[in-house]
Amino acid sequence: AIHRHLAFDPQKDLTPVSLAANQPFVVAAGAGVPAASMQELIS
């Protein structure tokens, strides 16, 4: 999606076998941010 001259095409040059794991990400903020929730951070 972001590399204009990627040396391989994952949709053509690789054979998928299975997903193996999922790593949830979180939205974290520093202690000094004046927000107590995701809604407040967005606002």
ModelCIF file with pLDDT and N, C-alpha, C, O atoms, coordinates in Angstrom:
data_MODEL
#
_entry.id   MODEL 
#
_entity.id                         1 
_entity.type                       polymer 
_entity.pdbx_number_of_molecules   1 
#
_entity_poly.entity_id                      1 
_entity_poly.type                           'polypeptide(L)' 
_entity_poly.nstd_linkage                   no 
_entity_poly.nstd_monomer                   no 
_entity_poly.pdbx_seq_one_letter_code       AIHRHLAFDPQKDLTPVSLAANQPFVVAAGAGVPAASMQELIS 
_entity_poly.pdbx_seq_one_letter_code_can   AIHRHLAFDPQKDLTPVSLAANQPFVVAAGAGVPAASMQELIS 
_entity_poly.pdbx_strand_id                 A 
#
loop_
_entity_poly_seq.entity_id 
_entity_poly_seq.num 
_entity_poly_seq.mon_id 
_entity_poly_seq.hetero 
1 1  ALA n 
1 2  ILE n 
1 3  HIS n 
1 4  ARG n 
1 5  HIS n 
1 6  LEU n 
1 7  ALA n 
1 8  PHE n 
1 9  ASP n 
1 10 PRO n 
1 11 GLN n 
1 12 LYS n 
1 13 ASP n 
1 14 LEU n 
1 15 THR n 
1 16 PRO n 
1 17 VAL n 
1 18 SER n 
1 19 LEU n 
1 20 ALA n 
1 21 ALA n 
1 22 ASN n 
1 23 GLN n 
1 24 PRO n 
1 25 PHE n 
1 26 VAL n 
1 27 VAL n 
1 28 ALA n 
1 29 ALA n 
1 30 GLY n 
1 31 ALA n 
1 32 GLY n 
1 33 VAL n 
1 34 PRO n 
1 35 ALA n 
1 36 ALA n 
1 37 SER n 
1 38 MET n 
1 39 GLN n 
1 40 GLU n 
1 41 LEU n 
1 42 ILE n 
1 43 SER n 
#
_struct_asym.id          A 
_struct_asym.entity_id   1 
#
loop_
_ma_qa_metric.id 
_ma_qa_metric.mode 
_ma_qa_metric.name 
_ma_qa_metric.software_group_id 
_ma_qa_metric.type 
1 global pLDDT . pLDDT 
2 local  pLDDT . pLDDT 
#
_ma_qa_metric_global.metric_id      1 
_ma_qa_metric_global.metric_value   95.07 
_ma_qa_metric_global.model_id       1 
_ma_qa_metric_global.ordinal_id     1 
#
loop_
_ma_qa_metric_local.label_asym_id 
_ma_qa_metric_local.label_comp_id 
_ma_qa_metric_local.label_seq_id 
_ma_qa_metric_local.metric_id 
_ma_qa_metric_local.metric_value 
_ma_qa_metric_local.model_id 
_ma_qa_metric_local.ordinal_id 
A ALA 1  2 90.00 1 1  
A ILE 2  2 91.00 1 2  
A HIS 3  2 91.00 1 3  
A ARG 4  2 86.00 1 4  
A HIS 5  2 89.00 1 5  
A LEU 6  2 93.00 1 6  
A ALA 7  2 94.00 1 7  
A PHE 8  2 96.00 1 8  
A ASP 9  2 96.00 1 9  
A PRO 10 2 95.00 1 10 
A GLN 11 2 95.00 1 11 
A LYS 12 2 96.00 1 12 
A ASP 13 2 97.00 1 13 
A LEU 14 2 98.00 1 14 
A THR 15 2 98.00 1 15 
A PRO 16 2 98.00 1 16 
A VAL 17 2 98.00 1 17 
A SER 18 2 98.00 1 18 
A LEU 19 2 98.00 1 19 
A ALA 20 2 98.00 1 20 
A ALA 21 2 96.00 1 21 
A ASN 22 2 92.00 1 22 
A GLN 23 2 89.00 1 23 
A PRO 24 2 85.00 1 24 
A PHE 25 2 93.00 1 25 
A VAL 26 2 96.00 1 26 
A VAL 27 2 97.00 1 27 
A ALA 28 2 97.00 1 28 
A ALA 29 2 97.00 1 29 
A GLY 30 2 97.00 1 30 
A ALA 31 2 95.00 1 31 
A GLY 32 2 95.00 1 32 
A VAL 33 2 97.00 1 33 
A PRO 34 2 96.00 1 34 
A ALA 35 2 97.00 1 35 
A ALA 36 2 96.00 1 36 
A SER 37 2 97.00 1 37 
A MET 38 2 97.00 1 38 
A GLN 39 2 97.00 1 39 
A GLU 40 2 97.00 1 40 
A LEU 41 2 97.00 1 41 
A ILE 42 2 97.00 1 42 
A SER 43 2 96.00 1 43 
#
loop_
_atom_site.group_PDB 
_atom_site.id 
_atom_site.type_symbol 
_atom_site.label_atom_id 
_atom_site.label_alt_id 
_atom_site.label_comp_id 
_atom_site.label_asym_id 
_atom_site.label_entity_id 
_atom_site.label_seq_id 
_atom_site.pdbx_PDB_ins_code 
_atom_site.Cartn_x 
_atom_site.Cartn_y 
_atom_site.Cartn_z 
_atom_site.occupancy 
_atom_site.B_iso_or_equiv 
_atom_site.pdbx_formal_charge 
_atom_site.auth_seq_id 
_atom_site.auth_comp_id 
_atom_site.auth_asym_id 
_atom_site.auth_atom_id 
_atom_site.pdbx_PDB_model_num 
ATOM 1   N N  . ALA A 1 1  ? 0.817   -1.211  0.000  1.00 90.00 ? 1  ALA A N  1 
ATOM 2   C CA . ALA A 1 1  ? 0.000   0.000   0.000  1.00 90.00 ? 1  ALA A CA 1 
ATOM 3   C C  . ALA A 1 1  ? 0.850   1.259   0.000  1.00 90.00 ? 1  ALA A C  1 
ATOM 4   O O  . ALA A 1 1  ? 0.429   2.295   -0.515 1.00 90.00 ? 1  ALA A O  1 
ATOM 5   N N  . ILE A 1 2  ? 2.052   1.176   0.578  1.00 91.00 ? 2  ILE A N  1 
ATOM 6   C CA . ILE A 1 2  ? 2.832   2.404   0.734  1.00 91.00 ? 2  ILE A CA 1 
ATOM 7   C C  . ILE A 1 2  ? 4.149   2.412   -0.032 1.00 91.00 ? 2  ILE A C  1 
ATOM 8   O O  . ILE A 1 2  ? 4.752   3.470   -0.210 1.00 91.00 ? 2  ILE A O  1 
ATOM 9   N N  . HIS A 1 3  ? 4.603   1.241   -0.490 1.00 91.00 ? 3  HIS A N  1 
ATOM 10  C CA . HIS A 1 3  ? 5.875   1.177   -1.214 1.00 91.00 ? 3  HIS A CA 1 
ATOM 11  C C  . HIS A 1 3  ? 5.608   1.131   -2.719 1.00 91.00 ? 3  HIS A C  1 
ATOM 12  O O  . HIS A 1 3  ? 4.996   0.189   -3.222 1.00 91.00 ? 3  HIS A O  1 
ATOM 13  N N  . ARG A 1 4  ? 6.065   2.134   -3.410 1.00 86.00 ? 4  ARG A N  1 
ATOM 14  C CA . ARG A 1 4  ? 5.809   2.234   -4.839 1.00 86.00 ? 4  ARG A CA 1 
ATOM 15  C C  . ARG A 1 4  ? 6.566   1.172   -5.632 1.00 86.00 ? 4  ARG A C  1 
ATOM 16  O O  . ARG A 1 4  ? 6.079   0.693   -6.657 1.00 86.00 ? 4  ARG A O  1 
ATOM 17  N N  . HIS A 1 5  ? 7.753   0.807   -5.161 1.00 89.00 ? 5  HIS A N  1 
ATOM 18  C CA . HIS A 1 5  ? 8.590   -0.130  -5.909 1.00 89.00 ? 5  HIS A CA 1 
ATOM 19  C C  . HIS A 1 5  ? 8.901   -1.369  -5.058 1.00 89.00 ? 5  HIS A C  1 
ATOM 20  O O  . HIS A 1 5  ? 10.064  -1.741  -4.902 1.00 89.00 ? 5  HIS A O  1 
ATOM 21  N N  . LEU A 1 6  ? 7.884   -1.988  -4.525 1.00 93.00 ? 6  LEU A N  1 
ATOM 22  C CA . LEU A 1 6  ? 8.071   -3.182  -3.711 1.00 93.00 ? 6  LEU A CA 1 
ATOM 23  C C  . LEU A 1 6  ? 8.579   -4.332  -4.576 1.00 93.00 ? 6  LEU A C  1 
ATOM 24  O O  . LEU A 1 6  ? 8.095   -4.549  -5.687 1.00 93.00 ? 6  LEU A O  1 
ATOM 25  N N  . ALA A 1 7  ? 9.560   -5.065  -4.052 1.00 94.00 ? 7  ALA A N  1 
ATOM 26  C CA . ALA A 1 7  ? 10.221  -6.101  -4.856 1.00 94.00 ? 7  ALA A CA 1 
ATOM 27  C C  . ALA A 1 7  ? 9.406   -7.383  -4.990 1.00 94.00 ? 7  ALA A C  1 
ATOM 28  O O  . ALA A 1 7  ? 9.778   -8.271  -5.756 1.00 94.00 ? 7  ALA A O  1 
ATOM 29  N N  . PHE A 1 8  ? 8.314   -7.489  -4.265 1.00 96.00 ? 8  PHE A N  1 
ATOM 30  C CA . PHE A 1 8  ? 7.485   -8.690  -4.351 1.00 96.00 ? 8  PHE A CA 1 
ATOM 31  C C  . PHE A 1 8  ? 6.016   -8.300  -4.244 1.00 96.00 ? 8  PHE A C  1 
ATOM 32  O O  . PHE A 1 8  ? 5.678   -7.216  -3.767 1.00 96.00 ? 8  PHE A O  1 
ATOM 33  N N  . ASP A 1 9  ? 5.161   -9.191  -4.690 1.00 96.00 ? 9  ASP A N  1 
ATOM 34  C CA . ASP A 1 9  ? 3.722   -8.998  -4.610 1.00 96.00 ? 9  ASP A CA 1 
ATOM 35  C C  . ASP A 1 9  ? 3.159   -10.082 -3.698 1.00 96.00 ? 9  ASP A C  1 
ATOM 36  O O  . ASP A 1 9  ? 3.099   -11.246 -4.094 1.00 96.00 ? 9  ASP A O  1 
ATOM 37  N N  . PRO A 1 10 ? 2.742   -9.720  -2.476 1.00 95.00 ? 10 PRO A N  1 
ATOM 38  C CA . PRO A 1 10 ? 2.262   -10.742 -1.547 1.00 95.00 ? 10 PRO A CA 1 
ATOM 39  C C  . PRO A 1 10 ? 1.036   -11.501 -2.044 1.00 95.00 ? 10 PRO A C  1 
ATOM 40  O O  . PRO A 1 10 ? 0.775   -12.619 -1.599 1.00 95.00 ? 10 PRO A O  1 
ATOM 41  N N  . GLN A 1 11 ? 0.292   -10.907 -2.951 1.00 95.00 ? 11 GLN A N  1 
ATOM 42  C CA . GLN A 1 11 ? -0.898  -11.579 -3.474 1.00 95.00 ? 11 GLN A CA 1 
ATOM 43  C C  . GLN A 1 11 ? -0.573  -12.596 -4.562 1.00 95.00 ? 11 GLN A C  1 
ATOM 44  O O  . GLN A 1 11 ? -1.399  -13.453 -4.880 1.00 95.00 ? 11 GLN A O  1 
ATOM 45  N N  . LYS A 1 12 ? 0.638   -12.504 -5.138 1.00 96.00 ? 12 LYS A N  1 
ATOM 46  C CA . LYS A 1 12 ? 1.012   -13.409 -6.218 1.00 96.00 ? 12 LYS A CA 1 
ATOM 47  C C  . LYS A 1 12 ? 2.229   -14.278 -5.893 1.00 96.00 ? 12 LYS A C  1 
ATOM 48  O O  . LYS A 1 12 ? 2.328   -15.414 -6.356 1.00 96.00 ? 12 LYS A O  1 
ATOM 49  N N  . ASP A 1 13 ? 3.146   -13.741 -5.099 1.00 97.00 ? 13 ASP A N  1 
ATOM 50  C CA . ASP A 1 13 ? 4.438   -14.399 -4.906 1.00 97.00 ? 13 ASP A CA 1 
ATOM 51  C C  . ASP A 1 13 ? 4.544   -15.207 -3.626 1.00 97.00 ? 13 ASP A C  1 
ATOM 52  O O  . ASP A 1 13 ? 5.588   -15.800 -3.354 1.00 97.00 ? 13 ASP A O  1 
ATOM 53  N N  . LEU A 1 14 ? 3.473   -15.241 -2.831 1.00 98.00 ? 14 LEU A N  1 
ATOM 54  C CA . LEU A 1 14 ? 3.488   -15.993 -1.582 1.00 98.00 ? 14 LEU A CA 1 
ATOM 55  C C  . LEU A 1 14 ? 2.247   -16.870 -1.490 1.00 98.00 ? 14 LEU A C  1 
ATOM 56  O O  . LEU A 1 14 ? 1.201   -16.553 -2.057 1.00 98.00 ? 14 LEU A O  1 
ATOM 57  N N  . THR A 1 15 ? 2.380   -17.969 -0.772 1.00 98.00 ? 15 THR A N  1 
ATOM 58  C CA . THR A 1 15 ? 1.262   -18.891 -0.569 1.00 98.00 ? 15 THR A CA 1 
ATOM 59  C C  . THR A 1 15 ? 0.821   -18.830 0.883  1.00 98.00 ? 15 THR A C  1 
ATOM 60  O O  . THR A 1 15 ? 1.548   -19.310 1.753  1.00 98.00 ? 15 THR A O  1 
ATOM 61  N N  . PRO A 1 16 ? -0.341  -18.258 1.181  1.00 98.00 ? 16 PRO A N  1 
ATOM 62  C CA . PRO A 1 16 ? -0.818  -18.189 2.563  1.00 98.00 ? 16 PRO A CA 1 
ATOM 63  C C  . PRO A 1 16 ? -1.121  -19.578 3.123  1.00 98.00 ? 16 PRO A C  1 
ATOM 64  O O  . PRO A 1 16 ? -1.634  -20.441 2.412  1.00 98.00 ? 16 PRO A O  1 
ATOM 65  N N  . VAL A 1 17 ? -0.804  -19.788 4.387  1.00 98.00 ? 17 VAL A N  1 
ATOM 66  C CA . VAL A 1 17 ? -1.090  -21.061 5.052  1.00 98.00 ? 17 VAL A CA 1 
ATOM 67  C C  . VAL A 1 17 ? -2.177  -20.865 6.110  1.00 98.00 ? 17 VAL A C  1 
ATOM 68  O O  . VAL A 1 17 ? -3.223  -21.513 6.058  1.00 98.00 ? 17 VAL A O  1 
ATOM 69  N N  . SER A 1 18 ? -1.930  -19.980 7.060  1.00 98.00 ? 18 SER A N  1 
ATOM 70  C CA . SER A 1 18 ? -2.923  -19.671 8.097  1.00 98.00 ? 18 SER A CA 1 
ATOM 71  C C  . SER A 1 18 ? -2.489  -18.444 8.869  1.00 98.00 ? 18 SER A C  1 
ATOM 72  O O  . SER A 1 18 ? -1.296  -18.171 9.002  1.00 98.00 ? 18 SER A O  1 
ATOM 73  N N  . LEU A 1 19 ? -3.452  -17.714 9.372  1.00 98.00 ? 19 LEU A N  1 
ATOM 74  C CA . LEU A 1 19 ? -3.126  -16.735 10.397 1.00 98.00 ? 19 LEU A CA 1 
ATOM 75  C C  . LEU A 1 19 ? -2.631  -17.506 11.618 1.00 98.00 ? 19 LEU A C  1 
ATOM 76  O O  . LEU A 1 19 ? -2.935  -18.687 11.781 1.00 98.00 ? 19 LEU A O  1 
ATOM 77  N N  . ALA A 1 20 ? -1.870  -16.830 12.470 1.00 98.00 ? 20 ALA A N  1 
ATOM 78  C CA . ALA A 1 20 ? -1.318  -17.515 13.634 1.00 98.00 ? 20 ALA A CA 1 
ATOM 79  C C  . ALA A 1 20 ? -1.577  -16.764 14.931 1.00 98.00 ? 20 ALA A C  1 
ATOM 80  O O  . ALA A 1 20 ? -1.672  -17.377 15.995 1.00 98.00 ? 20 ALA A O  1 
ATOM 81  N N  . ALA A 1 21 ? -1.690  -15.453 14.855 1.00 96.00 ? 21 ALA A N  1 
ATOM 82  C CA . ALA A 1 21 ? -1.881  -14.678 16.078 1.00 96.00 ? 21 ALA A CA 1 
ATOM 83  C C  . ALA A 1 21 ? -2.431  -13.308 15.763 1.00 96.00 ? 21 ALA A C  1 
ATOM 84  O O  . ALA A 1 21 ? -2.307  -12.791 14.653 1.00 96.00 ? 21 ALA A O  1 
ATOM 85  N N  . ASN A 1 22 ? -3.039  -12.745 16.776 1.00 92.00 ? 22 ASN A N  1 
ATOM 86  C CA . ASN A 1 22 ? -3.561  -11.400 16.703 1.00 92.00 ? 22 ASN A CA 1 
ATOM 87  C C  . ASN A 1 22 ? -3.022  -10.629 17.906 1.00 92.00 ? 22 ASN A C  1 
ATOM 88  O O  . ASN A 1 22 ? -3.045  -11.130 19.030 1.00 92.00 ? 22 ASN A O  1 
ATOM 89  N N  . GLN A 1 23 ? -2.544  -9.429  17.671 1.00 89.00 ? 23 GLN A N  1 
ATOM 90  C CA . GLN A 1 23 ? -2.059  -8.598  18.765 1.00 89.00 ? 23 GLN A CA 1 
ATOM 91  C C  . GLN A 1 23 ? -2.914  -7.339  18.859 1.00 89.00 ? 23 GLN A C  1 
ATOM 92  O O  . GLN A 1 23 ? -2.795  -6.447  18.020 1.00 89.00 ? 23 GLN A O  1 
ATOM 93  N N  . PRO A 1 24 ? -3.766  -7.260  19.862 1.00 85.00 ? 24 PRO A N  1 
ATOM 94  C CA . PRO A 1 24 ? -4.563  -6.049  20.016 1.00 85.00 ? 24 PRO A CA 1 
ATOM 95  C C  . PRO A 1 24 ? -3.667  -4.847  20.288 1.00 85.00 ? 24 PRO A C  1 
ATOM 96  O O  . PRO A 1 24 ? -2.701  -4.937  21.046 1.00 85.00 ? 24 PRO A O  1 
ATOM 97  N N  . PHE A 1 25 ? -3.993  -3.746  19.674 1.00 93.00 ? 25 PHE A N  1 
ATOM 98  C CA . PHE A 1 25 ? -3.316  -2.488  19.958 1.00 93.00 ? 25 PHE A CA 1 
ATOM 99  C C  . PHE A 1 25 ? -4.228  -1.664  20.857 1.00 93.00 ? 25 PHE A C  1 
ATOM 100 O O  . PHE A 1 25 ? -5.433  -1.901  20.931 1.00 93.00 ? 25 PHE A O  1 
ATOM 101 N N  . VAL A 1 26 ? -3.636  -0.703  21.529 1.00 96.00 ? 26 VAL A N  1 
ATOM 102 C CA . VAL A 1 26 ? -4.414  0.188   22.381 1.00 96.00 ? 26 VAL A CA 1 
ATOM 103 C C  . VAL A 1 26 ? -4.076  1.627   22.039 1.00 96.00 ? 26 VAL A C  1 
ATOM 104 O O  . VAL A 1 26 ? -3.005  1.925   21.509 1.00 96.00 ? 26 VAL A O  1 
ATOM 105 N N  . VAL A 1 27 ? -5.012  2.515   22.354 1.00 97.00 ? 27 VAL A N  1 
ATOM 106 C CA . VAL A 1 27 ? -4.758  3.956   22.268 1.00 97.00 ? 27 VAL A CA 1 
ATOM 107 C C  . VAL A 1 27 ? -4.310  4.384   23.653 1.00 97.00 ? 27 VAL A C  1 
ATOM 108 O O  . VAL A 1 27 ? -5.090  4.377   24.605 1.00 97.00 ? 27 VAL A O  1 
ATOM 109 N N  . ALA A 1 28 ? -3.036  4.759   23.750 1.00 97.00 ? 28 ALA A N  1 
ATOM 110 C CA . ALA A 1 28 ? -2.474  5.179   25.031 1.00 97.00 ? 28 ALA A CA 1 
ATOM 111 C C  . ALA A 1 28 ? -2.156  6.671   24.980 1.00 97.00 ? 28 ALA A C  1 
ATOM 112 O O  . ALA A 1 28 ? -1.846  7.220   23.923 1.00 97.00 ? 28 ALA A O  1 
ATOM 113 N N  . ALA A 1 29 ? -2.239  7.305   26.127 1.00 97.00 ? 29 ALA A N  1 
ATOM 114 C CA . ALA A 1 29 ? -1.929  8.735   26.225 1.00 97.00 ? 29 ALA A CA 1 
ATOM 115 C C  . ALA A 1 29 ? -1.034  8.981   27.426 1.00 97.00 ? 29 ALA A C  1 
ATOM 116 O O  . ALA A 1 29 ? -1.023  8.205   28.382 1.00 97.00 ? 29 ALA A O  1 
ATOM 117 N N  . GLY A 1 30 ? -0.288  10.066  27.364 1.00 97.00 ? 30 GLY A N  1 
ATOM 118 C CA . GLY A 1 30 ? 0.585   10.431  28.466 1.00 97.00 ? 30 GLY A CA 1 
ATOM 119 C C  . GLY A 1 30 ? -0.202  10.921  29.664 1.00 97.00 ? 30 GLY A C  1 
ATOM 120 O O  . GLY A 1 30 ? -1.362  11.315  29.551 1.00 97.00 ? 30 GLY A O  1 
ATOM 121 N N  . ALA A 1 31 ? 0.453   10.888  30.814 1.00 95.00 ? 31 ALA A N  1 
ATOM 122 C CA . ALA A 1 31 ? -0.217  11.266  32.058 1.00 95.00 ? 31 ALA A CA 1 
ATOM 123 C C  . ALA A 1 31 ? -0.699  12.709  32.041 1.00 95.00 ? 31 ALA A C  1 
ATOM 124 O O  . ALA A 1 31 ? -1.679  13.045  32.706 1.00 95.00 ? 31 ALA A O  1 
ATOM 125 N N  . GLY A 1 32 ? -0.012  13.570  31.280 1.00 95.00 ? 32 GLY A N  1 
ATOM 126 C CA . GLY A 1 32 ? -0.375  14.980  31.275 1.00 95.00 ? 32 GLY A CA 1 
ATOM 127 C C  . GLY A 1 32 ? -1.486  15.366  30.325 1.00 95.00 ? 32 GLY A C  1 
ATOM 128 O O  . GLY A 1 32 ? -1.880  16.531  30.284 1.00 95.00 ? 32 GLY A O  1 
ATOM 129 N N  . VAL A 1 33 ? -2.000  14.422  29.563 1.00 97.00 ? 33 VAL A N  1 
ATOM 130 C CA . VAL A 1 33 ? -3.077  14.735  28.615 1.00 97.00 ? 33 VAL A CA 1 
ATOM 131 C C  . VAL A 1 33 ? -4.375  14.969  29.380 1.00 97.00 ? 33 VAL A C  1 
ATOM 132 O O  . VAL A 1 33 ? -4.800  14.097  30.137 1.00 97.00 ? 33 VAL A O  1 
ATOM 133 N N  . PRO A 1 34 ? -5.013  16.123  29.203 1.00 96.00 ? 34 PRO A N  1 
ATOM 134 C CA . PRO A 1 34 ? -6.244  16.437  29.949 1.00 96.00 ? 34 PRO A CA 1 
ATOM 135 C C  . PRO A 1 34 ? -7.478  15.742  29.375 1.00 96.00 ? 34 PRO A C  1 
ATOM 136 O O  . PRO A 1 34 ? -8.418  16.391  28.916 1.00 96.00 ? 34 PRO A O  1 
ATOM 137 N N  . ALA A 1 35 ? -7.455  14.431  29.410 1.00 97.00 ? 35 ALA A N  1 
ATOM 138 C CA . ALA A 1 35 ? -8.592  13.624  28.942 1.00 97.00 ? 35 ALA A CA 1 
ATOM 139 C C  . ALA A 1 35 ? -8.639  12.362  29.777 1.00 97.00 ? 35 ALA A C  1 
ATOM 140 O O  . ALA A 1 35 ? -7.601  11.821  30.158 1.00 97.00 ? 35 ALA A O  1 
ATOM 141 N N  . ALA A 1 36 ? -9.840  11.895  30.059 1.00 96.00 ? 36 ALA A N  1 
ATOM 142 C CA . ALA A 1 36 ? -10.009 10.698  30.887 1.00 96.00 ? 36 ALA A CA 1 
ATOM 143 C C  . ALA A 1 36 ? -10.638 9.550   30.132 1.00 96.00 ? 36 ALA A C  1 
ATOM 144 O O  . ALA A 1 36 ? -10.886 8.489   30.705 1.00 96.00 ? 36 ALA A O  1 
ATOM 145 N N  . SER A 1 37 ? -10.902 9.751   28.835 1.00 97.00 ? 37 SER A N  1 
ATOM 146 C CA . SER A 1 37 ? -11.534 8.700   28.038 1.00 97.00 ? 37 SER A CA 1 
ATOM 147 C C  . SER A 1 37 ? -11.222 8.936   26.568 1.00 97.00 ? 37 SER A C  1 
ATOM 148 O O  . SER A 1 37 ? -10.687 9.978   26.191 1.00 97.00 ? 37 SER A O  1 
ATOM 149 N N  . MET A 1 38 ? -11.568 7.948   25.742 1.00 97.00 ? 38 MET A N  1 
ATOM 150 C CA . MET A 1 38 ? -11.362 8.076   24.306 1.00 97.00 ? 38 MET A CA 1 
ATOM 151 C C  . MET A 1 38 ? -12.195 9.218   23.748 1.00 97.00 ? 38 MET A C  1 
ATOM 152 O O  . MET A 1 38 ? -11.731 9.976   22.896 1.00 97.00 ? 38 MET A O  1 
ATOM 153 N N  . GLN A 1 39 ? -13.430 9.341   24.231 1.00 97.00 ? 39 GLN A N  1 
ATOM 154 C CA . GLN A 1 39 ? -14.291 10.415  23.747 1.00 97.00 ? 39 GLN A CA 1 
ATOM 155 C C  . GLN A 1 39 ? -13.696 11.789  24.058 1.00 97.00 ? 39 GLN A C  1 
ATOM 156 O O  . GLN A 1 39 ? -13.742 12.698  23.229 1.00 97.00 ? 39 GLN A O  1 
ATOM 157 N N  . GLU A 1 40 ? -13.141 11.928  25.254 1.00 97.00 ? 40 GLU A N  1 
ATOM 158 C CA . GLU A 1 40 ? -12.549 13.209  25.636 1.00 97.00 ? 40 GLU A CA 1 
ATOM 159 C C  . GLU A 1 40 ? -11.281 13.491  24.835 1.00 97.00 ? 40 GLU A C  1 
ATOM 160 O O  . GLU A 1 40 ? -11.004 14.643  24.500 1.00 97.00 ? 40 GLU A O  1 
ATOM 161 N N  . LEU A 1 41 ? -10.511 12.452  24.526 1.00 97.00 ? 41 LEU A N  1 
ATOM 162 C CA . LEU A 1 41 ? -9.314  12.642  23.704 1.00 97.00 ? 41 LEU A CA 1 
ATOM 163 C C  . LEU A 1 41 ? -9.700  13.121  22.310 1.00 97.00 ? 41 LEU A C  1 
ATOM 164 O O  . LEU A 1 41 ? -9.073  14.029  21.764 1.00 97.00 ? 41 LEU A O  1 
ATOM 165 N N  . ILE A 1 42 ? -10.732 12.510  21.736 1.00 97.00 ? 42 ILE A N  1 
ATOM 166 C CA . ILE A 1 42 ? -11.196 12.912  20.404 1.00 97.00 ? 42 ILE A CA 1 
ATOM 167 C C  . ILE A 1 42 ? -11.668 14.366  20.425 1.00 97.00 ? 42 ILE A C  1 
ATOM 168 O O  . ILE A 1 42 ? -11.341 15.139  19.525 1.00 97.00 ? 42 ILE A O  1 
ATOM 169 N N  . SER A 1 43 ? -12.432 14.735  21.448 1.00 96.00 ? 43 SER A N  1 
ATOM 170 C CA . SER A 1 43 ? -12.933 16.114  21.550 1.00 96.00 ? 43 SER A CA 1 
ATOM 171 C C  . SER A 1 43 ? -11.786 17.098  21.692 1.00 96.00 ? 43 SER A C  1 
ATOM 172 O O  . SER A 1 43 ? -12.016 18.304  21.790 1.00 96.00 ? 43 SER A O  1 
#
